[in-house]
Every structure is written in structure tokens, then in C-alpha cells.
Amino acid sequence: MKKYKRILIIYTAFFGDIILATALVRETRKLFPDAMIDFVTTPATYDLVRNNPHINEVILFDKHNHKLRNFFGLLPKRIFLNLKAEDIY
């Protein structure tokens, strides 16, 4: 299995979807224990994931005030500056 160094999980859905996504995050951490796992969510669901021990960083995306085409502009620049070929799938 390939070893990923950075994983970005994007969930900007409803509360129930975010709760179900916590299992995805947990299992992803088991598969890739050394990877940096960041999670994109909305301000409304931030509290559901902010203390998740399997997530390195929670990134907020307010989809009501931003268009999706601006999404990548909102991500911290370090995500893109530190990308290497092996990080991209």
C-alpha cells in the first residue's frame, strides 16, 4: 500500500454526514498513521470535529459566503507549498 504523507478530507455537508465521516477519519488514521490528515468543514459543524484526535487541522469553509471556485484560495498556502509528488493522488 502506498504511504501518503498528506490527506485532505472535505466534508461540507450536514451534521449527520459529518458524524458518519468521523469513522472515515478514524479508519484513514489506522491505514496511514504517519500522515497529516486535515479536514475541511463548515463553521456550523466545526464543533463536531475540532477535538478529533485523528485530525491534525480543521479548516473552515463557509460555503454560503464563498463560491467553490474560490475554495482553494481559502486553504492555507502551506498545504500547497509543501506538496510533493508523492502527496498527490
C-alpha atoms as a PDB file:
ATOM      1  CA  MET A   1       0.000   0.000   0.000  1.00  0.00           C
ATOM      2  CA  LYS A   2       1.263   3.446  -0.882  1.00  0.00           C
ATOM      3  CA  LYS A   3       2.272   5.674   2.033  1.00  0.00           C
ATOM      4  CA  TYR A   4       0.565   9.045   1.830  1.00  0.00           C
ATOM      5  CA  LYS A   5       2.060  11.951   3.746  1.00  0.00           C
ATOM      6  CA  ARG A   6      -0.842  14.404   3.478  1.00  0.00           C
ATOM      7  CA  ILE A   7      -4.550  13.666   3.279  1.00  0.00           C
ATOM      8  CA  LEU A   8      -7.267  16.284   2.900  1.00  0.00           C
ATOM      9  CA  ILE A   9     -10.818  15.184   3.693  1.00  0.00           C
ATOM     10  CA  ILE A  10     -13.512  17.604   2.542  1.00  0.00           C
ATOM     11  CA  TYR A  11     -16.968  17.387   4.118  1.00  0.00           C
ATOM     12  CA  THR A  12     -19.140  20.478   3.888  1.00  0.00           C
ATOM     13  CA  ALA A  13     -22.420  18.676   4.421  1.00  0.00           C
ATOM     14  CA  PHE A  14     -24.933  18.267   7.208  1.00  0.00           C
ATOM     15  CA  PHE A  15     -24.431  17.207  10.830  1.00  0.00           C
ATOM     16  CA  GLY A  16     -25.288  13.550  10.210  1.00  0.00           C
ATOM     17  CA  ASP A  17     -22.809  13.340   7.341  1.00  0.00           C
ATOM     18  CA  ILE A  18     -20.066  14.822   9.496  1.00  0.00           C
ATOM     19  CA  ILE A  19     -20.777  12.343  12.287  1.00  0.00           C
ATOM     20  CA  LEU A  20     -20.552   9.468   9.804  1.00  0.00           C
ATOM     21  CA  ALA A  21     -17.316  10.952   8.419  1.00  0.00           C
ATOM     22  CA  THR A  22     -15.637  10.569  11.806  1.00  0.00           C
ATOM     23  CA  ALA A  23     -15.456   6.818  11.143  1.00  0.00           C
ATOM     24  CA  LEU A  24     -13.769   7.576   7.825  1.00  0.00           C
ATOM     25  CA  VAL A  25     -11.215   9.749   9.600  1.00  0.00           C
ATOM     26  CA  ARG A  26     -10.538   7.088  12.241  1.00  0.00           C
ATOM     27  CA  GLU A  27     -10.044   4.352   9.645  1.00  0.00           C
ATOM     28  CA  THR A  28      -7.886   6.623   7.495  1.00  0.00           C
ATOM     29  CA  ARG A  29      -5.657   7.244  10.510  1.00  0.00           C
ATOM     30  CA  LYS A  30      -5.344   3.481  11.058  1.00  0.00           C
ATOM     31  CA  LEU A  31      -4.275   2.974   7.439  1.00  0.00           C
ATOM     32  CA  PHE A  32      -1.924   5.968   7.371  1.00  0.00           C
ATOM     33  CA  PRO A  33      -0.749   6.569  10.945  1.00  0.00           C
ATOM     34  CA  ASP A  34       2.071   8.946   9.968  1.00  0.00           C
ATOM     35  CA  ALA A  35       0.095  11.078   7.506  1.00  0.00           C
ATOM     36  CA  MET A  36      -1.038  14.646   8.168  1.00  0.00           C
ATOM     37  CA  ILE A  37      -4.830  14.460   7.990  1.00  0.00           C
ATOM     38  CA  ASP A  38      -6.624  17.775   7.530  1.00  0.00           C
ATOM     39  CA  PHE A  39     -10.405  18.116   7.455  1.00  0.00           C
ATOM     40  CA  VAL A  40     -12.412  20.811   5.681  1.00  0.00           C
ATOM     41  CA  THR A  41     -15.846  21.573   7.107  1.00  0.00           C
ATOM     42  CA  THR A  42     -18.275  24.419   7.624  1.00  0.00           C
ATOM     43  CA  PRO A  43     -18.476  26.666  10.704  1.00  0.00           C
ATOM     44  CA  ALA A  44     -21.799  25.005  11.604  1.00  0.00           C
ATOM     45  CA  THR A  45     -20.170  21.580  12.008  1.00  0.00           C
ATOM     46  CA  TYR A  46     -16.776  22.679  13.319  1.00  0.00           C
ATOM     47  CA  ASP A  47     -17.551  21.648  16.909  1.00  0.00           C
ATOM     48  CA  LEU A  48     -18.200  18.066  15.790  1.00  0.00           C
ATOM     49  CA  VAL A  49     -14.623  17.580  14.571  1.00  0.00           C
ATOM     50  CA  ARG A  50     -12.443  20.170  16.336  1.00  0.00           C
ATOM     51  CA  ASN A  51     -11.287  17.799  19.083  1.00  0.00           C
ATOM     52  CA  ASN A  52     -10.986  14.689  16.943  1.00  0.00           C
ATOM     53  CA  PRO A  53      -7.601  13.173  17.850  1.00  0.00           C
ATOM     54  CA  HIS A  54      -7.214  11.705  14.345  1.00  0.00           C
ATOM     55  CA  ILE A  55      -7.322  15.121  12.632  1.00  0.00           C
ATOM     56  CA  ASN A  56      -4.255  17.343  12.522  1.00  0.00           C
ATOM     57  CA  GLU A  57      -6.030  20.502  11.422  1.00  0.00           C
ATOM     58  CA  VAL A  58      -9.628  21.556  10.819  1.00  0.00           C
ATOM     59  CA  ILE A  59     -10.023  24.085   8.013  1.00  0.00           C
ATOM     60  CA  LEU A  60     -13.226  26.122   7.906  1.00  0.00           C
ATOM     61  CA  PHE A  61     -15.014  26.770   4.639  1.00  0.00           C
ATOM     62  CA  ASP A  62     -18.124  28.947   4.755  1.00  0.00           C
ATOM     63  CA  LYS A  63     -19.864  27.743   1.611  1.00  0.00           C
ATOM     64  CA  HIS A  64     -22.611  30.331   1.974  1.00  0.00           C
ATOM     65  CA  ASN A  65     -20.198  33.254   1.696  1.00  0.00           C
ATOM     66  CA  HIS A  66     -17.765  31.815  -0.839  1.00  0.00           C
ATOM     67  CA  LYS A  67     -18.093  30.216  -4.206  1.00  0.00           C
ATOM     68  CA  LEU A  68     -16.491  26.814  -4.720  1.00  0.00           C
ATOM     69  CA  ARG A  69     -14.139  28.237  -7.329  1.00  0.00           C
ATOM     70  CA  ASN A  70     -12.547  30.276  -4.520  1.00  0.00           C
ATOM     71  CA  PHE A  71     -12.234  27.227  -2.288  1.00  0.00           C
ATOM     72  CA  PHE A  72      -8.563  26.537  -2.960  1.00  0.00           C
ATOM     73  CA  GLY A  73      -7.756  30.180  -2.328  1.00  0.00           C
ATOM     74  CA  LEU A  74      -9.087  29.774   1.215  1.00  0.00           C
ATOM     75  CA  LEU A  75      -6.864  26.818   2.071  1.00  0.00           C
ATOM     76  CA  PRO A  76      -3.698  27.650   3.948  1.00  0.00           C
ATOM     77  CA  LYS A  77      -0.893  28.246   1.470  1.00  0.00           C
ATOM     78  CA  ARG A  78       1.342  25.827   3.347  1.00  0.00           C
ATOM     79  CA  ILE A  79      -0.810  22.963   2.100  1.00  0.00           C
ATOM     80  CA  PHE A  80       0.203  23.746  -1.464  1.00  0.00           C
ATOM     81  CA  LEU A  81       3.745  24.957  -0.789  1.00  0.00           C
ATOM     82  CA  ASN A  82       4.667  21.726   0.975  1.00  0.00           C
ATOM     83  CA  LEU A  83       3.102  19.362  -1.547  1.00  0.00           C
ATOM     84  CA  LYS A  84       5.362  16.824  -3.176  1.00  0.00           C
ATOM     85  CA  ALA A  85       4.569  14.418  -5.991  1.00  0.00           C
ATOM     86  CA  GLU A  86       4.013  11.555  -3.554  1.00  0.00           C
ATOM     87  CA  ASP A  87       1.339  13.596  -1.747  1.00  0.00           C
ATOM     88  CA  ILE A  88      -0.904  13.863  -4.786  1.00  0.00           C
ATOM     89  CA  TYR A  89      -3.271  11.075  -5.729  1.00  0.00           C
END
